[in-house]
């Protein structure tokens, strides 16, 4: 299969219980969803052919499978949906807390630790989309 949309709706898909994928997969018409409490269980289920597909973040799946000795060239990742990693706050979040998070992030940019983390995990994380700290000020209206 060359796309997520092309997958048969009756295949056995495993997903981590805490992700919101169950609702999404159900809305997409999938009928055989296996939920577990640990992504490592899903990796083992996939390796033992107990599920046909593993719905997970690509970076998590690759990290876990590589740690189990799976040749990453033997697996194929089909994107389900794209999203940007972000920190989410509410209208009631203390502005001082938001300022501390922003300051920590800017320090990581300046001292190179963000780049070092990206470099260490680059093979799992994919392309870097450097977030614009100015966009953090956009808070929803009450």
N, C-alpha and C. Protein backbone atom coordinates (compact mmCIF):
# COMPACT_ATOMS: atom_id res chain seq x y z
N UNK A 1 0.85 -1.18 0.00
CA UNK A 1 0.00 0.00 0.00
C UNK A 1 0.88 1.23 0.00
N UNK A 2 0.47 2.21 -0.76
CA UNK A 2 1.29 3.40 -0.90
C UNK A 2 0.75 4.61 -0.15
N UNK A 3 -0.40 4.45 0.49
CA UNK A 3 -0.94 5.58 1.25
C UNK A 3 -1.82 5.04 2.37
N UNK A 4 -2.01 5.87 3.38
CA UNK A 4 -2.89 5.51 4.49
C UNK A 4 -4.32 5.29 4.00
N UNK A 5 -4.75 6.13 3.08
CA UNK A 5 -6.12 6.05 2.56
C UNK A 5 -6.38 4.73 1.82
N UNK A 6 -5.31 4.12 1.28
CA UNK A 6 -5.47 2.90 0.50
C UNK A 6 -5.56 1.64 1.37
N UNK A 7 -5.29 1.76 2.66
CA UNK A 7 -5.32 0.58 3.53
C UNK A 7 -6.74 0.02 3.64
N UNK A 8 -6.90 -1.31 3.57
CA UNK A 8 -8.22 -1.90 3.77
C UNK A 8 -8.73 -1.57 5.17
N UNK A 9 -9.98 -1.27 5.30
CA UNK A 9 -10.53 -0.83 6.58
C UNK A 9 -10.67 -1.96 7.60
N UNK A 10 -10.47 -3.21 7.18
CA UNK A 10 -10.57 -4.31 8.13
C UNK A 10 -9.21 -4.85 8.59
N UNK A 11 -8.11 -4.19 8.21
CA UNK A 11 -6.81 -4.67 8.68
C UNK A 11 -6.71 -4.47 10.19
N UNK A 12 -5.83 -5.23 10.81
CA UNK A 12 -5.61 -5.12 12.24
C UNK A 12 -4.60 -4.01 12.50
N UNK A 13 -5.06 -2.94 13.14
CA UNK A 13 -4.19 -1.80 13.45
C UNK A 13 -4.01 -1.73 14.95
N UNK A 14 -2.77 -1.60 15.38
CA UNK A 14 -2.47 -1.41 16.79
C UNK A 14 -2.20 0.05 17.07
N UNK A 15 -2.64 0.52 18.24
CA UNK A 15 -2.39 1.91 18.63
C UNK A 15 -2.20 1.99 20.15
N UNK A 16 -1.40 2.94 20.55
CA UNK A 16 -1.16 3.20 21.96
C UNK A 16 -2.42 3.79 22.57
N UNK A 17 -2.86 3.25 23.68
CA UNK A 17 -4.13 3.62 24.30
C UNK A 17 -4.25 5.11 24.59
N UNK A 18 -3.16 5.76 24.96
CA UNK A 18 -3.24 7.17 25.34
C UNK A 18 -3.30 8.13 24.16
N UNK A 19 -3.02 7.67 22.96
CA UNK A 19 -3.10 8.56 21.81
C UNK A 19 -4.58 8.76 21.45
N UNK A 20 -4.86 9.78 20.71
CA UNK A 20 -6.23 10.04 20.27
C UNK A 20 -6.52 9.34 18.94
N UNK A 21 -5.67 8.42 18.57
CA UNK A 21 -5.82 7.77 17.27
C UNK A 21 -7.05 6.87 17.18
N UNK A 22 -7.50 6.30 18.28
CA UNK A 22 -8.65 5.40 18.21
C UNK A 22 -9.85 6.10 17.58
N UNK A 23 -10.17 7.29 18.08
CA UNK A 23 -11.30 8.02 17.52
C UNK A 23 -11.07 8.35 16.05
N UNK A 24 -9.86 8.78 15.73
CA UNK A 24 -9.55 9.14 14.34
C UNK A 24 -9.66 7.92 13.43
N UNK A 25 -9.07 6.80 13.85
CA UNK A 25 -9.12 5.59 13.02
C UNK A 25 -10.55 5.10 12.86
N UNK A 26 -11.34 5.19 13.92
CA UNK A 26 -12.75 4.79 13.85
C UNK A 26 -13.50 5.66 12.84
N UNK A 27 -13.27 6.97 12.90
CA UNK A 27 -13.92 7.89 11.96
C UNK A 27 -13.50 7.60 10.52
N UNK A 28 -12.28 7.08 10.35
CA UNK A 28 -11.81 6.75 9.01
C UNK A 28 -12.34 5.40 8.52
N UNK A 29 -13.10 4.71 9.39
CA UNK A 29 -13.74 3.46 8.98
C UNK A 29 -13.00 2.19 9.35
N UNK A 30 -11.91 2.27 10.11
CA UNK A 30 -11.19 1.07 10.51
C UNK A 30 -11.98 0.36 11.60
N UNK A 31 -12.06 -0.97 11.48
CA UNK A 31 -12.94 -1.73 12.37
C UNK A 31 -12.20 -2.72 13.27
N UNK A 32 -10.91 -2.90 13.09
CA UNK A 32 -10.16 -3.90 13.84
C UNK A 32 -8.97 -3.23 14.53
N UNK A 33 -9.25 -2.41 15.54
CA UNK A 33 -8.23 -1.62 16.21
C UNK A 33 -7.87 -2.28 17.54
N UNK A 34 -6.59 -2.51 17.75
CA UNK A 34 -6.08 -3.11 18.98
C UNK A 34 -5.36 -2.04 19.79
N UNK A 35 -5.83 -1.78 21.01
CA UNK A 35 -5.25 -0.74 21.86
C UNK A 35 -4.46 -1.40 22.98
N UNK A 36 -3.28 -0.87 23.23
CA UNK A 36 -2.44 -1.37 24.33
C UNK A 36 -1.93 -0.20 25.14
N UNK A 37 -1.37 -0.48 26.30
CA UNK A 37 -0.89 0.56 27.19
C UNK A 37 0.56 0.95 26.95
N UNK A 38 1.26 0.26 26.05
CA UNK A 38 2.69 0.50 25.87
C UNK A 38 3.04 0.34 24.39
N UNK A 39 3.72 1.33 23.84
CA UNK A 39 4.13 1.24 22.45
C UNK A 39 5.06 0.06 22.19
N UNK A 40 5.83 -0.34 23.20
CA UNK A 40 6.73 -1.48 23.03
C UNK A 40 5.92 -2.74 22.74
N UNK A 41 4.75 -2.88 23.36
CA UNK A 41 3.88 -4.02 23.06
C UNK A 41 3.49 -4.03 21.59
N UNK A 42 3.21 -2.85 21.05
CA UNK A 42 2.82 -2.77 19.64
C UNK A 42 3.96 -3.17 18.73
N UNK A 43 5.17 -2.78 19.07
CA UNK A 43 6.33 -3.18 18.28
C UNK A 43 6.45 -4.71 18.26
N UNK A 44 6.26 -5.33 19.41
CA UNK A 44 6.34 -6.79 19.49
C UNK A 44 5.20 -7.44 18.71
N UNK A 45 3.99 -6.88 18.81
CA UNK A 45 2.86 -7.42 18.06
C UNK A 45 3.12 -7.35 16.55
N UNK A 46 3.71 -6.24 16.11
CA UNK A 46 4.01 -6.08 14.69
C UNK A 46 5.07 -7.10 14.26
N UNK A 47 6.09 -7.27 15.09
CA UNK A 47 7.17 -8.20 14.76
C UNK A 47 6.68 -9.65 14.72
N UNK A 48 5.64 -9.97 15.50
CA UNK A 48 5.11 -11.34 15.54
C UNK A 48 3.91 -11.51 14.61
N UNK A 49 3.65 -10.51 13.74
CA UNK A 49 2.55 -10.55 12.79
C UNK A 49 1.18 -10.68 13.46
N UNK A 50 1.01 -10.12 14.64
CA UNK A 50 -0.30 -10.13 15.30
C UNK A 50 -1.13 -8.92 14.90
N UNK A 51 -0.47 -7.89 14.37
CA UNK A 51 -1.17 -6.75 13.78
C UNK A 51 -0.56 -6.49 12.42
N UNK A 52 -1.36 -5.88 11.54
CA UNK A 52 -0.88 -5.58 10.19
C UNK A 52 -0.20 -4.22 10.13
N UNK A 53 -0.59 -3.32 11.03
CA UNK A 53 -0.05 -1.96 11.00
C UNK A 53 -0.01 -1.41 12.42
N UNK A 54 0.91 -0.49 12.63
CA UNK A 54 1.08 0.13 13.92
C UNK A 54 0.90 1.63 13.73
N UNK A 55 -0.15 2.19 14.31
CA UNK A 55 -0.40 3.62 14.21
C UNK A 55 0.34 4.31 15.35
N UNK A 56 1.37 5.04 15.00
CA UNK A 56 2.20 5.68 16.01
C UNK A 56 2.90 6.87 15.40
N UNK A 57 3.54 7.66 16.26
CA UNK A 57 4.43 8.68 15.75
C UNK A 57 5.59 7.98 15.08
N UNK A 58 5.95 8.39 13.90
CA UNK A 58 7.03 7.75 13.16
C UNK A 58 8.30 7.70 13.98
N UNK A 59 8.62 8.79 14.68
CA UNK A 59 9.87 8.83 15.45
C UNK A 59 9.86 7.80 16.57
N UNK A 60 8.74 7.66 17.27
CA UNK A 60 8.65 6.68 18.36
C UNK A 60 8.78 5.26 17.81
N UNK A 61 8.08 4.99 16.73
CA UNK A 61 8.12 3.64 16.15
C UNK A 61 9.53 3.27 15.71
N UNK A 62 10.19 4.17 15.02
CA UNK A 62 11.56 3.88 14.56
C UNK A 62 12.52 3.69 15.72
N UNK A 63 12.40 4.52 16.75
CA UNK A 63 13.27 4.40 17.91
C UNK A 63 13.09 3.04 18.59
N UNK A 64 11.84 2.63 18.82
CA UNK A 64 11.56 1.37 19.50
C UNK A 64 11.99 0.18 18.64
N UNK A 65 11.65 0.20 17.36
CA UNK A 65 12.01 -0.92 16.49
C UNK A 65 13.52 -1.06 16.35
N UNK A 66 14.22 0.06 16.24
CA UNK A 66 15.68 -0.02 16.14
C UNK A 66 16.28 -0.59 17.42
N UNK A 67 15.72 -0.22 18.58
CA UNK A 67 16.23 -0.75 19.85
C UNK A 67 16.00 -2.26 19.95
N UNK A 68 15.03 -2.78 19.21
CA UNK A 68 14.76 -4.22 19.19
C UNK A 68 15.52 -4.94 18.08
N UNK A 69 16.37 -4.20 17.36
CA UNK A 69 17.20 -4.83 16.34
C UNK A 69 16.53 -4.97 14.98
N UNK A 70 15.42 -4.29 14.76
CA UNK A 70 14.73 -4.38 13.47
C UNK A 70 15.45 -3.47 12.46
N UNK A 71 15.70 -3.99 11.29
CA UNK A 71 16.29 -3.20 10.20
C UNK A 71 15.25 -2.19 9.74
N UNK A 72 15.52 -0.90 9.94
CA UNK A 72 14.54 0.12 9.61
C UNK A 72 14.26 0.20 8.11
N UNK A 73 15.13 -0.38 7.29
CA UNK A 73 14.86 -0.42 5.86
C UNK A 73 13.79 -1.45 5.51
N UNK A 74 13.44 -2.30 6.48
CA UNK A 74 12.44 -3.34 6.22
C UNK A 74 11.03 -2.90 6.56
N UNK A 75 10.88 -1.68 7.07
CA UNK A 75 9.55 -1.18 7.41
C UNK A 75 9.21 0.02 6.54
N UNK A 76 7.95 0.30 6.43
CA UNK A 76 7.50 1.44 5.63
C UNK A 76 6.56 2.28 6.45
N UNK A 77 6.76 3.56 6.43
CA UNK A 77 5.92 4.48 7.18
C UNK A 77 4.96 5.18 6.23
N UNK A 78 3.68 5.12 6.53
CA UNK A 78 2.66 5.83 5.76
C UNK A 78 2.10 6.93 6.64
N UNK A 79 2.29 8.18 6.28
CA UNK A 79 1.78 9.27 7.13
C UNK A 79 0.27 9.22 7.28
N UNK A 80 -0.19 9.35 8.51
CA UNK A 80 -1.62 9.41 8.79
C UNK A 80 -2.07 10.86 8.67
N UNK A 81 -1.37 11.74 9.36
CA UNK A 81 -1.64 13.17 9.27
C UNK A 81 -0.39 13.91 9.74
N UNK A 82 -0.22 15.12 9.32
CA UNK A 82 0.93 15.91 9.73
C UNK A 82 0.49 16.94 10.75
N UNK A 83 1.38 17.20 11.70
CA UNK A 83 1.12 18.22 12.72
C UNK A 83 2.45 18.75 13.20
N UNK A 84 2.41 19.89 13.81
CA UNK A 84 3.63 20.45 14.39
C UNK A 84 3.65 20.17 15.88
N UNK A 85 4.83 19.92 16.40
CA UNK A 85 4.97 19.70 17.84
C UNK A 85 4.80 21.04 18.52
N UNK A 86 4.06 21.07 19.60
CA UNK A 86 3.82 22.35 20.25
C UNK A 86 3.53 22.15 21.73
N UNK A 87 3.60 23.25 22.45
CA UNK A 87 3.15 23.27 23.84
C UNK A 87 1.81 23.99 23.84
N UNK A 88 0.85 23.42 24.51
CA UNK A 88 -0.50 23.99 24.51
C UNK A 88 -0.80 24.53 25.91
N UNK A 89 -1.30 25.74 25.94
CA UNK A 89 -1.69 26.34 27.22
C UNK A 89 -3.13 26.80 27.12
N UNK A 90 -3.71 27.09 28.26
CA UNK A 90 -5.08 27.58 28.28
C UNK A 90 -5.08 29.07 28.58
N UNK A 91 -6.24 29.67 28.51
CA UNK A 91 -6.36 31.09 28.84
C UNK A 91 -6.02 31.35 30.31
N UNK A 92 -6.09 30.31 31.14
CA UNK A 92 -5.80 30.48 32.56
C UNK A 92 -4.35 30.17 32.91
N UNK A 93 -3.53 29.75 31.95
CA UNK A 93 -2.13 29.44 32.25
C UNK A 93 -1.43 30.70 32.73
N UNK A 94 -0.71 30.55 33.82
CA UNK A 94 0.02 31.67 34.41
C UNK A 94 1.01 32.23 33.40
N UNK A 95 0.91 33.52 33.06
CA UNK A 95 1.85 34.12 32.11
C UNK A 95 3.31 33.97 32.54
N UNK A 96 3.56 33.92 33.84
CA UNK A 96 4.94 33.73 34.32
C UNK A 96 5.47 32.36 33.90
N UNK A 97 4.59 31.35 33.93
CA UNK A 97 5.00 30.01 33.49
C UNK A 97 5.32 30.01 32.00
N UNK A 98 4.47 30.64 31.21
CA UNK A 98 4.71 30.72 29.77
C UNK A 98 6.04 31.44 29.50
N UNK A 99 6.31 32.49 30.25
CA UNK A 99 7.57 33.23 30.09
C UNK A 99 8.77 32.34 30.42
N UNK A 100 8.65 31.50 31.45
CA UNK A 100 9.76 30.60 31.80
C UNK A 100 10.01 29.58 30.70
N UNK A 101 8.93 29.04 30.13
CA UNK A 101 9.08 28.07 29.03
C UNK A 101 9.74 28.75 27.83
N UNK A 102 9.27 29.94 27.48
CA UNK A 102 9.85 30.69 26.37
C UNK A 102 11.34 30.97 26.61
N UNK A 103 11.69 31.40 27.81
CA UNK A 103 13.08 31.71 28.14
C UNK A 103 13.95 30.46 28.04
N UNK A 104 13.44 29.33 28.52
CA UNK A 104 14.21 28.08 28.42
C UNK A 104 14.44 27.70 26.97
N UNK A 105 13.42 27.83 26.16
CA UNK A 105 13.55 27.50 24.74
C UNK A 105 14.57 28.41 24.05
N UNK A 106 14.48 29.72 24.31
CA UNK A 106 15.41 30.66 23.70
C UNK A 106 16.84 30.39 24.16
N UNK A 107 17.03 29.99 25.41
CA UNK A 107 18.36 29.61 25.90
C UNK A 107 18.88 28.40 25.14
N UNK A 108 17.99 27.41 24.90
CA UNK A 108 18.40 26.22 24.15
C UNK A 108 18.79 26.57 22.72
N UNK A 109 18.11 27.54 22.13
CA UNK A 109 18.48 28.00 20.79
C UNK A 109 19.86 28.64 20.81
N UNK A 110 20.08 29.51 21.79
CA UNK A 110 21.33 30.27 21.85
C UNK A 110 22.53 29.42 22.22
N UNK A 111 22.37 28.49 23.16
CA UNK A 111 23.54 27.72 23.60
C UNK A 111 23.80 26.48 22.75
N UNK A 112 22.91 26.23 21.78
CA UNK A 112 23.12 25.11 20.85
C UNK A 112 22.57 23.78 21.34
N UNK A 113 21.98 23.73 22.54
CA UNK A 113 21.49 22.45 23.04
C UNK A 113 20.30 21.93 22.22
N UNK A 114 19.46 22.82 21.69
CA UNK A 114 18.36 22.37 20.83
C UNK A 114 18.91 21.69 19.59
N UNK A 115 19.92 22.31 18.98
CA UNK A 115 20.55 21.72 17.79
C UNK A 115 21.20 20.38 18.12
N UNK A 116 21.81 20.27 19.28
CA UNK A 116 22.45 19.02 19.68
C UNK A 116 21.41 17.91 19.85
N UNK A 117 20.28 18.24 20.46
CA UNK A 117 19.21 17.24 20.62
C UNK A 117 18.68 16.82 19.26
N UNK A 118 18.43 17.79 18.38
CA UNK A 118 17.96 17.47 17.02
C UNK A 118 18.96 16.58 16.30
N UNK A 119 20.24 16.89 16.43
CA UNK A 119 21.26 16.09 15.73
C UNK A 119 21.29 14.66 16.26
N UNK A 120 21.16 14.50 17.56
CA UNK A 120 21.22 13.16 18.15
C UNK A 120 20.07 12.28 17.68
N UNK A 121 18.89 12.87 17.52
CA UNK A 121 17.70 12.09 17.18
C UNK A 121 17.21 12.35 15.75
N UNK A 122 18.04 12.92 14.91
CA UNK A 122 17.62 13.33 13.56
C UNK A 122 17.03 12.18 12.76
N UNK A 123 17.59 10.99 12.91
CA UNK A 123 17.08 9.88 12.08
C UNK A 123 15.68 9.46 12.48
N UNK A 124 15.22 9.88 13.65
CA UNK A 124 13.86 9.58 14.09
C UNK A 124 12.91 10.74 13.90
N UNK A 125 13.42 11.96 13.93
CA UNK A 125 12.56 13.14 13.98
C UNK A 125 12.14 13.69 12.62
N UNK A 126 12.88 13.39 11.59
CA UNK A 126 12.56 13.94 10.28
C UNK A 126 12.97 15.39 10.16
N UNK A 127 12.44 16.10 9.17
CA UNK A 127 12.85 17.48 8.91
C UNK A 127 12.55 18.39 10.09
N UNK A 128 13.44 19.35 10.27
CA UNK A 128 13.28 20.30 11.37
C UNK A 128 12.46 21.50 10.90
N UNK A 129 11.46 21.83 11.68
CA UNK A 129 10.67 23.03 11.43
C UNK A 129 10.82 23.91 12.66
N UNK A 130 11.78 24.80 12.62
CA UNK A 130 12.09 25.65 13.77
C UNK A 130 10.91 26.56 14.07
N UNK A 131 10.30 26.40 15.27
CA UNK A 131 9.15 27.24 15.59
C UNK A 131 9.56 28.69 15.83
N UNK A 132 8.70 29.58 15.46
CA UNK A 132 8.94 31.01 15.65
C UNK A 132 8.43 31.40 17.04
N UNK A 133 9.34 31.81 17.95
CA UNK A 133 8.89 32.17 19.29
C UNK A 133 7.85 33.29 19.30
N UNK A 134 7.82 34.14 18.29
CA UNK A 134 6.82 35.20 18.24
C UNK A 134 5.41 34.63 18.15
N UNK A 135 5.27 33.44 17.56
CA UNK A 135 3.94 32.84 17.43
C UNK A 135 3.38 32.38 18.78
N UNK A 136 4.22 32.33 19.79
CA UNK A 136 3.75 31.89 21.11
C UNK A 136 2.84 32.91 21.76
N UNK A 137 2.88 34.13 21.29
CA UNK A 137 2.06 35.17 21.91
C UNK A 137 0.63 35.15 21.43
N UNK A 138 0.32 34.32 20.45
CA UNK A 138 -1.03 34.26 19.92
C UNK A 138 -1.90 33.42 20.85
N UNK A 139 -2.65 34.07 21.69
CA UNK A 139 -3.52 33.38 22.63
C UNK A 139 -4.96 33.54 22.14
N UNK A 140 -5.77 32.52 22.31
CA UNK A 140 -7.16 32.63 21.86
C UNK A 140 -7.93 33.67 22.67
N UNK A 141 -8.92 34.20 22.04
CA UNK A 141 -9.79 35.16 22.72
C UNK A 141 -10.62 34.42 23.76
N UNK A 142 -10.94 35.10 24.85
CA UNK A 142 -11.78 34.48 25.89
C UNK A 142 -13.23 34.48 25.46
